Amino acid sequence: MTSIASEFVSELDVAGVAQIVSSANDVALVVDGEGVIVDAFAEQGAAAFGDLNAWIGRSWVDTVTIESRPKIEALLRTTPERSPSRWRQVNLPTDEEADTAILFRVFSVKSNGDKIVMGRDLRALSVMQQELLDVQHSMEDDYARLYQAETRYRMLFKMSSEAILIVDAHGRDIVEANPAASEYLDQPVKHLVSKRFGKFFIEDSANSIEQLLASVRATGQGAAIKVETQRGSHFVLNAELLRQDDASLFLIHLKSNDASSRAEGHHSSTVMNIIEHSSDAFVVVDPDARILLANDAFMEMCQVTSELQIKLQPLENWLGRPGVDVGVLRKNLQQRGVVRQYGTQINPEFGAPVDVELSAVAALQSDIPCFGFVIRRIIKRPRRTDDMAKQPLGQSLEQMTELVGRVPLKDLVRETTDLIERLCIEAALKMTSNNRASAADMLGLSRQSLYVKLRRFDIGDPDADDPAGD
């Protein structure tokens, strides 16, 4: 069989062999002893190589990019004794920004010195590698966010002034306890873990606890009960069922009616100290969005040196687009009480705006009604050229669309309309050198209507005369 195949192949000329080779590869070239392309064949549908007829008669080294020419010269030095050559990656110039990567291998023909070149298009592999990198970056970002979230929740778990315990639903053993639980039960945390939860209470309370946990596990809910510890302390206990992987856990909350105000003051002081030195920015504002207090991270982000510079000043002086973001946040905090992962920007005293993500909560029923904001900087990977070409309007609208599901549609439509209307008015004023009469004509508005909108969006001085007005 081998002799028949050899006899068949020996009867083919170099071009015929190259044509057969091209069916197993993306492209095949026939190159003479001087390095000139004599013939070229491409797999049907292979568009990466353009018009192969234009290659015929050209030196092979002239068809590649400058940095790939030494590789072509090395391939052309392939001799029959050292045939075939090893695979070499070279780049073909294209009209697009990125070059086309091709893998070439050379077979030297003994009879007349011609060479057969096999080529494989690496673009599909490059796309797969890029997709793999994108997925890897996405996974790394998700892991970082999960790690940060876990760190925050664990910090809150430990700083809470109320006792919280996590108990195994099957054996009723304590899995985890915070320092407040250690204080309430008068046991070190390490002595609580792995101990049966009911042993710290008198018999009647232990039975009531067992009934409550059974009810919570069966129905998902149960009424809070009063319990007494072995040391005579009285608490109100409630529980919730958690499912983690294949395990069922109880989240148990103990609240003391006679808790020491001194202990609460200590925990409150600890919390405030941690917030003050947190790497995330923290700011509290009154219902009119005027700053009441802020930590060092917020002042550093805004590039101010003293809290006196920002105290009682409008938050929108530094946060988001004027008249847009703070208004959306206030409205949703008043209606829903909480806003999570809202994308916006900090406008520092000096330099370019900084992309941030914030979460906020309303405390309107407290002694001092207020809103609290936790703000952290968004670290973004370098964008591709097409992403960096986006205009500010596109970024603002993208931020609006991220609120879908968290903000009522009518509010989104109204805020988006206000944003576009404001941008159009600013653009018209800029194009007319702040001539309001011309800007009103350009926008199809009366001057009076334009003045109303200028006051509404706080653009310039609506009562000032036009530089070229009537």
Protein backbone atom coordinates (compact mmCIF):
# COMPACT_ATOMS: atom_id res chain seq x y z
CA MET A 1 0.00 0.00 0.00
CA THR A 2 2.84 2.38 0.89
CA SER A 3 4.54 1.82 -2.46
CA ILE A 4 1.28 2.56 -4.30
CA ALA A 5 0.79 5.84 -2.38
CA SER A 6 4.41 6.83 -3.02
CA GLU A 7 4.06 6.05 -6.72
CA PHE A 8 0.85 8.12 -6.88
CA VAL A 9 2.35 11.14 -5.11
CA SER A 10 5.56 10.97 -7.17
CA GLU A 11 3.54 11.48 -10.33
CA LEU A 12 2.13 14.81 -9.01
CA ASP A 13 3.90 18.09 -9.61
CA VAL A 14 4.65 20.54 -6.78
CA ALA A 15 1.47 22.55 -7.47
CA GLY A 16 -0.65 19.41 -7.29
CA VAL A 17 0.86 18.42 -3.95
CA ALA A 18 0.30 21.98 -2.64
CA GLN A 19 -3.34 21.85 -3.70
CA ILE A 20 -3.80 18.59 -1.78
CA VAL A 21 -2.00 20.06 1.25
CA SER A 22 -4.28 23.14 1.21
CA SER A 23 -7.31 20.89 1.78
CA ALA A 24 -5.84 19.84 5.14
CA ASN A 25 -4.69 23.37 6.05
CA ASP A 26 -6.00 26.89 5.65
CA VAL A 27 -3.48 27.87 2.93
CA ALA A 28 -0.68 26.30 0.91
CA LEU A 29 2.03 28.12 -1.07
CA VAL A 30 4.55 26.98 -3.65
CA VAL A 31 7.79 28.98 -3.25
CA ASP A 32 10.76 28.69 -5.62
CA GLY A 33 14.41 28.64 -4.65
CA GLU A 34 14.55 32.48 -4.67
CA GLY A 35 11.72 32.81 -2.16
CA VAL A 36 9.16 33.98 -4.74
CA ILE A 37 5.59 32.69 -4.47
CA VAL A 38 4.88 30.63 -7.60
CA ASP A 39 1.39 29.47 -6.71
CA ALA A 40 -1.07 29.76 -3.81
CA PHE A 41 -4.05 27.71 -2.72
CA ALA A 42 -6.52 28.38 0.12
CA GLU A 43 -9.18 26.26 1.71
CA GLN A 44 -12.59 27.15 0.37
CA GLY A 45 -14.11 29.96 2.41
CA ALA A 46 -10.79 31.05 3.99
CA ALA A 47 -11.07 34.85 3.80
CA ALA A 48 -8.17 35.70 6.09
CA PHE A 49 -5.65 35.74 3.22
CA GLY A 50 -7.47 38.09 0.86
CA ASP A 51 -6.80 37.76 -2.87
CA LEU A 52 -4.19 35.02 -3.18
CA ASN A 53 -3.67 35.83 -6.85
CA ALA A 54 -2.04 39.07 -5.71
CA TRP A 55 0.57 37.01 -3.83
CA ILE A 56 1.76 35.14 -6.93
CA GLY A 57 4.99 36.62 -8.25
CA ARG A 58 5.78 38.44 -4.99
CA SER A 59 8.59 37.60 -2.64
CA TRP A 60 7.16 35.68 0.30
CA VAL A 61 9.00 37.88 2.77
CA ASP A 62 7.16 40.96 1.42
CA THR A 63 3.74 39.55 2.34
CA VAL A 64 4.30 39.66 6.11
CA THR A 65 4.86 42.39 8.68
CA ILE A 66 8.34 43.76 9.30
CA GLU A 67 8.91 41.95 12.60
CA SER A 68 7.96 38.60 10.97
CA ARG A 69 10.47 38.84 8.09
CA PRO A 70 13.36 37.18 9.98
CA LYS A 71 11.11 34.18 10.61
CA ILE A 72 10.29 33.87 6.88
CA GLU A 73 13.98 34.10 6.02
CA ALA A 74 14.69 31.29 8.48
CA LEU A 75 11.94 29.16 6.93
CA LEU A 76 13.35 29.74 3.44
CA ARG A 77 16.68 28.28 4.56
CA THR A 78 14.99 24.89 5.01
CA THR A 79 16.89 22.21 3.09
CA PRO A 80 15.76 18.73 1.99
CA GLU A 81 17.98 17.25 4.72
CA ARG A 82 16.25 19.40 7.41
CA SER A 83 12.73 19.16 5.94
CA PRO A 84 10.15 19.77 7.25
CA SER A 85 10.85 22.93 9.27
CA ARG A 86 9.28 23.57 12.64
CA TRP A 87 6.11 25.63 12.87
CA ARG A 88 6.68 29.40 13.04
CA GLN A 89 4.05 32.05 13.82
CA VAL A 90 4.11 35.15 11.59
CA ASN A 91 1.75 38.10 11.16
CA LEU A 92 0.07 39.21 7.96
CA PRO A 93 -0.75 42.93 7.63
CA THR A 94 -4.45 43.79 7.28
CA ASP A 95 -6.55 46.90 6.87
CA GLU A 96 -7.86 46.39 10.41
CA GLU A 97 -6.08 47.48 13.57
CA ALA A 98 -4.90 43.97 14.50
CA ASP A 99 -2.69 41.83 12.26
CA THR A 100 -3.66 38.26 11.28
CA ALA A 101 -1.58 35.57 13.01
CA ILE A 102 -0.66 32.59 10.79
CA LEU A 103 1.30 29.43 11.64
CA PHE A 104 3.64 28.36 8.77
CA ARG A 105 5.66 25.22 8.10
CA VAL A 106 7.94 24.53 5.10
CA PHE A 107 8.59 21.27 3.21
CA SER A 108 11.59 21.34 0.87
CA VAL A 109 11.23 19.44 -2.46
CA LYS A 110 14.37 17.60 -3.61
CA SER A 111 13.70 17.55 -7.34
CA ASN A 112 13.89 21.25 -8.25
CA GLY A 113 14.47 23.19 -5.00
CA ASP A 114 10.87 24.40 -4.73
CA LYS A 115 9.26 24.52 -1.33
CA ILE A 116 5.72 23.76 -0.20
CA VAL A 117 4.44 26.01 2.61
CA MET A 118 1.53 25.00 4.86
CA GLY A 119 -0.33 27.70 6.80
CA ARG A 120 -2.93 27.61 9.55
CA ASP A 121 -5.09 30.61 10.53
CA LEU A 122 -4.78 31.32 14.27
CA ARG A 123 -7.59 33.86 14.50
CA ALA A 124 -10.09 31.36 15.90
CA LEU A 125 -7.54 30.33 18.53
CA SER A 126 -6.88 33.99 19.36
CA VAL A 127 -10.61 34.62 19.81
CA MET A 128 -10.86 31.60 22.13
CA GLN A 129 -7.85 32.78 24.13
CA GLN A 130 -9.35 36.28 24.44
CA GLU A 131 -12.68 34.83 25.57
CA LEU A 132 -10.82 32.69 28.10
CA LEU A 133 -9.01 35.76 29.44
CA ASP A 134 -12.29 37.70 29.63
CA VAL A 135 -13.91 34.86 31.58
CA GLN A 136 -10.89 34.64 33.86
CA HIS A 137 -10.98 38.40 34.53
CA SER A 138 -14.72 38.19 35.19
CA MET A 139 -14.20 35.34 37.64
CA GLU A 140 -11.43 37.26 39.38
CA ASP A 141 -13.68 40.33 39.67
CA ASP A 142 -16.54 38.20 41.04
CA TYR A 143 -14.19 36.55 43.53
CA ALA A 144 -12.88 39.93 44.68
CA ARG A 145 -16.43 41.27 45.16
CA LEU A 146 -17.47 38.13 47.07
CA TYR A 147 -14.36 38.32 49.23
CA GLN A 148 -15.01 41.99 50.02
CA ALA A 149 -18.67 41.31 50.76
CA GLU A 150 -17.76 38.40 53.04
CA THR A 151 -15.23 40.60 54.84
CA ARG A 152 -17.83 43.32 55.42
CA TYR A 153 -20.48 40.90 56.69
CA ARG A 154 -17.98 39.15 58.95
CA MET A 155 -16.94 42.53 60.33
CA LEU A 156 -20.59 43.42 60.99
CA PHE A 157 -21.12 39.99 62.57
CA LYS A 158 -18.30 40.60 65.02
CA MET A 159 -19.13 44.25 65.74
CA SER A 160 -22.84 43.75 66.38
CA SER A 161 -23.88 44.77 69.89
CA GLU A 162 -26.54 42.03 69.88
CA ALA A 163 -25.77 38.34 70.24
CA ILE A 164 -25.84 36.29 67.04
CA LEU A 165 -25.16 32.55 66.86
CA ILE A 166 -25.18 30.07 64.00
CA VAL A 167 -26.40 26.63 65.12
CA ASP A 168 -26.41 23.35 63.21
CA ALA A 169 -30.01 22.33 62.46
CA HIS A 170 -29.37 18.61 63.03
CA GLY A 171 -27.22 18.33 66.14
CA ARG A 172 -28.08 21.77 67.60
CA ASP A 173 -24.33 22.43 68.03
CA ILE A 174 -23.06 26.00 67.89
CA VAL A 175 -21.10 26.53 64.67
CA GLU A 176 -20.22 30.18 65.10
CA ALA A 177 -20.81 32.97 67.65
CA ASN A 178 -19.98 36.65 67.74
CA PRO A 179 -18.28 38.46 70.67
CA ALA A 180 -21.65 39.81 71.90
CA ALA A 181 -22.94 36.22 72.25
CA SER A 182 -19.82 35.39 74.23
CA GLU A 183 -20.58 38.29 76.58
CA TYR A 184 -24.28 37.44 76.91
CA LEU A 185 -23.66 33.75 77.68
CA ASP A 186 -20.56 34.58 79.77
CA GLN A 187 -18.39 32.12 77.86
CA PRO A 188 -15.38 32.67 75.54
CA VAL A 189 -16.21 32.19 71.87
CA LYS A 190 -13.90 29.17 71.62
CA HIS A 191 -15.83 27.50 74.48
CA LEU A 192 -19.17 28.12 72.74
CA VAL A 193 -18.26 26.57 69.37
CA SER A 194 -19.14 22.86 69.05
CA LYS A 195 -21.20 22.94 72.27
CA ARG A 196 -24.91 22.05 72.26
CA PHE A 197 -26.86 25.32 72.26
CA GLY A 198 -29.56 24.25 74.75
CA LYS A 199 -27.08 23.44 77.56
CA PHE A 200 -26.61 27.15 78.35
CA PHE A 201 -30.31 27.59 79.33
CA ILE A 202 -32.49 26.30 82.13
CA GLU A 203 -34.62 23.24 81.35
CA ASP A 204 -37.88 25.09 80.61
CA SER A 205 -36.12 27.53 78.30
CA ALA A 206 -34.21 24.71 76.58
CA ASN A 207 -37.51 22.95 75.84
CA SER A 208 -39.06 26.16 74.51
CA ILE A 209 -36.01 26.71 72.31
CA GLU A 210 -36.27 23.18 70.91
CA GLN A 211 -39.95 23.72 70.07
CA LEU A 212 -39.16 27.06 68.39
CA LEU A 213 -36.35 25.56 66.28
CA ALA A 214 -38.57 22.65 65.25
CA SER A 215 -41.30 25.09 64.20
CA VAL A 216 -38.85 27.25 62.25
CA ARG A 217 -37.46 24.21 60.45
CA ALA A 218 -40.94 22.90 59.59
CA THR A 219 -42.71 26.14 58.64
CA GLY A 220 -39.89 28.63 58.12
CA GLN A 221 -41.09 30.92 60.89
CA GLY A 222 -41.65 31.08 64.62
CA ALA A 223 -42.56 33.67 67.26
CA ALA A 224 -39.84 35.11 69.50
CA ILE A 225 -39.65 33.61 72.98
CA LYS A 226 -38.28 34.69 76.34
CA VAL A 227 -35.50 32.51 77.73
CA GLU A 228 -33.32 32.30 80.85
CA THR A 229 -29.70 31.17 80.95
CA GLN A 230 -28.13 28.94 83.56
CA ARG A 231 -26.58 32.07 85.09
CA GLY A 232 -29.96 33.80 85.50
CA SER A 233 -29.81 36.25 82.55
CA HIS A 234 -33.02 36.88 80.61
CA PHE A 235 -33.19 37.29 76.84
CA VAL A 236 -35.62 37.41 73.94
CA LEU A 237 -34.70 34.76 71.37
CA ASN A 238 -35.76 34.37 67.75
CA ALA A 239 -34.42 32.19 64.94
CA GLU A 240 -34.33 31.86 61.16
CA LEU A 241 -33.47 28.89 58.97
CA LEU A 242 -30.48 29.15 56.61
CA ARG A 243 -29.40 26.71 53.92
CA GLN A 244 -25.72 26.59 53.00
CA ASP A 245 -24.65 24.03 50.41
CA ASP A 246 -26.14 20.74 51.71
CA ALA A 247 -26.35 21.87 55.34
CA SER A 248 -29.23 23.49 57.26
CA LEU A 249 -28.37 26.09 59.89
CA PHE A 250 -30.23 28.28 62.34
CA LEU A 251 -29.41 31.96 62.65
CA ILE A 252 -30.24 32.72 66.29
CA HIS A 253 -30.57 36.22 67.65
CA LEU A 254 -30.50 37.00 71.37
CA LYS A 255 -31.65 40.38 72.63
CA SER A 256 -31.28 41.37 76.24
CA ASN A 257 -33.90 43.58 77.90
CA ASP A 258 -31.44 44.62 80.59
CA ALA A 259 -28.37 44.97 78.38
CA SER A 260 -25.73 47.24 79.76
CA SER A 261 -25.69 50.69 78.19
CA ARG A 262 -21.98 50.72 78.88
CA ALA A 263 -21.49 47.67 76.63
CA GLU A 264 -23.65 49.23 73.91
CA GLY A 265 -21.68 52.45 74.13
CA HIS A 266 -18.46 50.48 73.81
CA HIS A 267 -19.67 48.68 70.67
CA SER A 268 -21.00 51.95 69.21
CA SER A 269 -17.64 53.61 69.78
CA THR A 270 -15.88 50.65 68.16
CA VAL A 271 -18.13 50.82 65.11
CA MET A 272 -17.58 54.58 64.70
CA ASN A 273 -13.82 54.12 65.04
CA ILE A 274 -13.78 51.44 62.32
CA ILE A 275 -15.97 53.56 60.01
CA GLU A 276 -13.70 56.55 60.52
CA HIS A 277 -10.63 54.56 59.45
CA SER A 278 -12.33 52.45 56.78
CA SER A 279 -10.87 52.42 53.27
CA ASP A 280 -14.41 52.87 51.91
CA ALA A 281 -15.84 56.39 51.97
CA PHE A 282 -18.70 56.96 54.43
CA VAL A 283 -20.92 60.05 54.52
CA VAL A 284 -24.13 60.94 56.36
CA VAL A 285 -26.49 63.61 54.99
CA ASP A 286 -29.73 65.16 56.21
CA PRO A 287 -33.03 64.68 54.29
CA ASP A 288 -32.08 67.67 52.08
CA ALA A 289 -28.82 65.90 51.14
CA ARG A 290 -26.58 68.29 53.07
CA ILE A 291 -23.51 66.65 54.58
CA LEU A 292 -23.62 66.08 58.35
CA LEU A 293 -20.45 64.03 58.78
CA ALA A 294 -17.93 62.16 56.63
CA ASN A 295 -14.90 59.95 57.23
CA ASP A 296 -11.33 60.52 56.07
CA ALA A 297 -11.76 58.29 52.99
CA PHE A 298 -14.61 60.47 51.67
CA MET A 299 -12.65 63.70 52.24
CA GLU A 300 -9.61 62.19 50.53
CA MET A 301 -11.76 61.10 47.57
CA CYS A 302 -13.20 64.64 47.29
CA GLN A 303 -9.71 66.17 47.79
CA VAL A 304 -10.71 68.35 50.73
CA THR A 305 -8.50 68.79 53.78
CA SER A 306 -11.02 69.52 56.50
CA GLU A 307 -14.54 68.40 57.38
CA LEU A 308 -15.43 72.08 57.80
CA GLN A 309 -15.10 72.49 54.01
CA ILE A 310 -17.92 70.02 53.35
CA LYS A 311 -20.10 70.13 56.45
CA LEU A 312 -23.67 71.29 55.67
CA GLN A 313 -22.73 71.58 51.99
CA PRO A 314 -24.91 69.87 49.32
CA LEU A 315 -23.73 66.34 48.59
CA GLU A 316 -24.24 66.90 44.84
CA ASN A 317 -21.28 69.32 44.90
CA TRP A 318 -19.12 66.21 44.88
CA LEU A 319 -21.39 63.28 43.98
CA GLY A 320 -22.82 62.53 40.52
CA ARG A 321 -24.18 64.86 37.86
CA PRO A 322 -25.81 68.02 39.29
CA GLY A 323 -29.57 67.68 39.58
CA VAL A 324 -29.62 64.00 38.54
CA ASP A 325 -27.97 61.35 40.74
CA VAL A 326 -28.60 62.82 44.20
CA GLY A 327 -32.24 63.48 43.32
CA VAL A 328 -32.70 59.86 42.18
CA LEU A 329 -31.02 58.55 45.33
CA ARG A 330 -33.08 60.72 47.70
CA LYS A 331 -36.35 59.74 46.06
CA ASN A 332 -35.62 56.03 46.21
CA LEU A 333 -34.33 56.20 49.77
CA GLN A 334 -37.53 57.96 50.86
CA GLN A 335 -39.69 55.37 49.06
CA ARG A 336 -37.74 52.15 49.61
CA GLY A 337 -35.31 52.89 52.42
CA VAL A 338 -32.29 51.35 50.70
CA VAL A 339 -30.27 51.61 47.47
CA ARG A 340 -27.65 49.03 46.53
CA GLN A 341 -24.73 49.11 44.06
CA TYR A 342 -25.61 52.42 42.39
CA GLY A 343 -22.97 53.39 39.83
CA THR A 344 -22.04 57.09 39.70
CA GLN A 345 -18.97 59.33 40.07
CA ILE A 346 -17.20 61.55 42.59
CA ASN A 347 -16.23 65.00 41.32
CA PRO A 348 -13.12 65.98 43.33
CA GLU A 349 -11.94 69.54 43.84
CA PHE A 350 -9.07 68.90 41.43
CA GLY A 351 -8.67 66.40 38.62
CA ALA A 352 -10.99 64.17 36.64
CA PRO A 353 -14.17 62.51 38.00
CA VAL A 354 -13.70 59.17 39.75
CA ASP A 355 -16.04 56.23 39.00
CA VAL A 356 -17.59 54.89 42.20
CA GLU A 357 -20.27 52.47 43.38
CA LEU A 358 -22.39 53.28 46.41
CA SER A 359 -24.96 51.74 48.70
CA ALA A 360 -27.23 53.85 50.87
CA VAL A 361 -29.76 53.44 53.65
CA ALA A 362 -32.39 55.76 55.11
CA ALA A 363 -32.74 56.38 58.85
CA LEU A 364 -35.69 58.77 58.79
CA GLN A 365 -37.23 57.45 62.04
CA SER A 366 -34.14 58.09 64.17
CA ASP A 367 -33.62 61.02 66.50
CA ILE A 368 -31.78 62.81 63.67
CA PRO A 369 -33.36 61.83 60.31
CA CYS A 370 -30.59 61.13 57.83
CA PHE A 371 -29.29 59.09 54.91
CA GLY A 372 -26.06 57.08 55.12
CA PHE A 373 -23.86 56.37 52.08
CA VAL A 374 -21.02 53.86 51.72
CA ILE A 375 -18.95 54.69 48.62
CA ARG A 376 -16.10 52.74 47.10
CA ARG A 377 -13.93 53.40 44.09
CA ILE A 378 -14.43 51.19 41.02
CA ILE A 379 -11.16 49.79 39.66
CA LYS A 380 -11.67 49.13 35.98
CA ARG A 381 -9.52 47.15 33.59
CA PRO A 382 -8.18 49.04 30.55
CA ARG A 383 -10.97 49.34 28.03
CA ARG A 384 -10.79 48.40 24.38
CA THR A 385 -10.67 51.16 21.84
CA ASP A 386 -14.35 50.81 20.98
CA ASP A 387 -15.33 51.10 24.66
CA MET A 388 -13.20 54.23 25.17
CA ALA A 389 -14.92 55.88 22.23
CA LYS A 390 -18.22 56.05 24.15
CA GLN A 391 -19.57 59.52 24.77
CA PRO A 392 -20.55 60.79 28.25
CA LEU A 393 -24.23 60.60 27.31
CA GLY A 394 -23.85 56.90 26.59
CA GLN A 395 -22.22 56.36 29.97
CA SER A 396 -24.99 58.26 31.74
CA LEU A 397 -27.72 56.31 29.98
CA GLU A 398 -25.90 53.08 30.77
CA GLN A 399 -25.95 54.05 34.44
CA MET A 400 -29.69 54.68 34.16
CA THR A 401 -30.31 51.24 32.63
CA GLU A 402 -28.44 49.62 35.53
CA LEU A 403 -31.28 50.84 37.78
CA VAL A 404 -33.86 48.69 36.01
CA GLY A 405 -35.49 46.51 38.63
CA ARG A 406 -34.42 48.77 41.48
CA VAL A 407 -36.22 51.97 40.45
CA PRO A 408 -39.80 52.29 39.10
CA LEU A 409 -39.96 52.69 35.31
CA LYS A 410 -41.74 56.05 35.50
CA ASP A 411 -38.90 57.43 37.63
CA LEU A 412 -36.30 56.06 35.21
CA VAL A 413 -38.08 57.63 32.23
CA ARG A 414 -38.42 60.97 33.99
CA GLU A 415 -34.79 61.07 35.12
CA THR A 416 -33.52 59.98 31.69
CA THR A 417 -35.67 62.64 30.00
CA ASP A 418 -34.35 65.29 32.37
CA LEU A 419 -30.79 64.18 31.66
CA ILE A 420 -31.19 64.39 27.88
CA GLU A 421 -33.05 67.72 28.14
CA ARG A 422 -30.29 69.20 30.29
CA LEU A 423 -27.54 68.00 27.94
CA CYS A 424 -29.35 69.47 24.91
CA ILE A 425 -29.77 72.85 26.63
CA GLU A 426 -26.10 72.91 27.65
CA ALA A 427 -25.05 72.00 24.10
CA ALA A 428 -27.26 74.73 22.58
CA LEU A 429 -25.88 77.37 24.97
CA LYS A 430 -22.34 76.28 24.15
CA MET A 431 -22.98 76.43 20.39
CA THR A 432 -24.49 79.93 20.66
CA SER A 433 -21.85 81.28 23.07
CA ASN A 434 -24.48 81.50 25.83
CA ASN A 435 -26.91 83.52 23.68
CA ARG A 436 -30.20 82.40 25.21
CA ALA A 437 -32.38 83.88 22.44
CA SER A 438 -30.48 81.92 19.78
CA ALA A 439 -30.41 78.81 21.97
CA ALA A 440 -34.19 78.98 22.45
CA ASP A 441 -34.71 79.24 18.68
CA MET A 442 -32.34 76.32 18.11
CA LEU A 443 -34.25 74.17 20.60
CA GLY A 444 -37.69 75.27 19.35
CA LEU A 445 -38.57 76.87 22.68
CA SER A 446 -39.77 80.29 23.71
CA ARG A 447 -37.32 82.34 25.73
CA GLN A 448 -39.61 82.14 28.72
CA SER A 449 -39.73 78.33 28.50
CA LEU A 450 -35.94 78.22 28.24
CA TYR A 451 -35.58 80.41 31.36
CA VAL A 452 -37.90 78.09 33.27
CA LYS A 453 -35.75 75.09 32.32
CA LEU A 454 -32.53 76.96 33.16
CA ARG A 455 -33.86 77.57 36.67
CA ARG A 456 -35.07 73.98 36.95
CA PHE A 457 -31.69 72.49 36.03
CA ASP A 458 -29.69 75.28 37.74
CA ILE A 459 -27.74 76.07 34.57
CA GLY A 460 -25.91 79.40 34.71
CA ASP A 461 -27.79 82.50 35.91
CA PRO A 462 -31.29 82.43 34.36
CA ASP A 463 -31.91 86.08 35.30
CA ALA A 464 -28.75 87.40 33.63
CA ASP A 465 -29.04 89.22 30.32
CA ASP A 466 -27.88 87.54 27.11
CA PRO A 467 -24.51 88.75 25.85
CA ALA A 468 -26.20 89.39 22.50
CA GLY A 469 -29.85 89.48 23.59
CA ASP A 470 -32.61 91.81 22.57
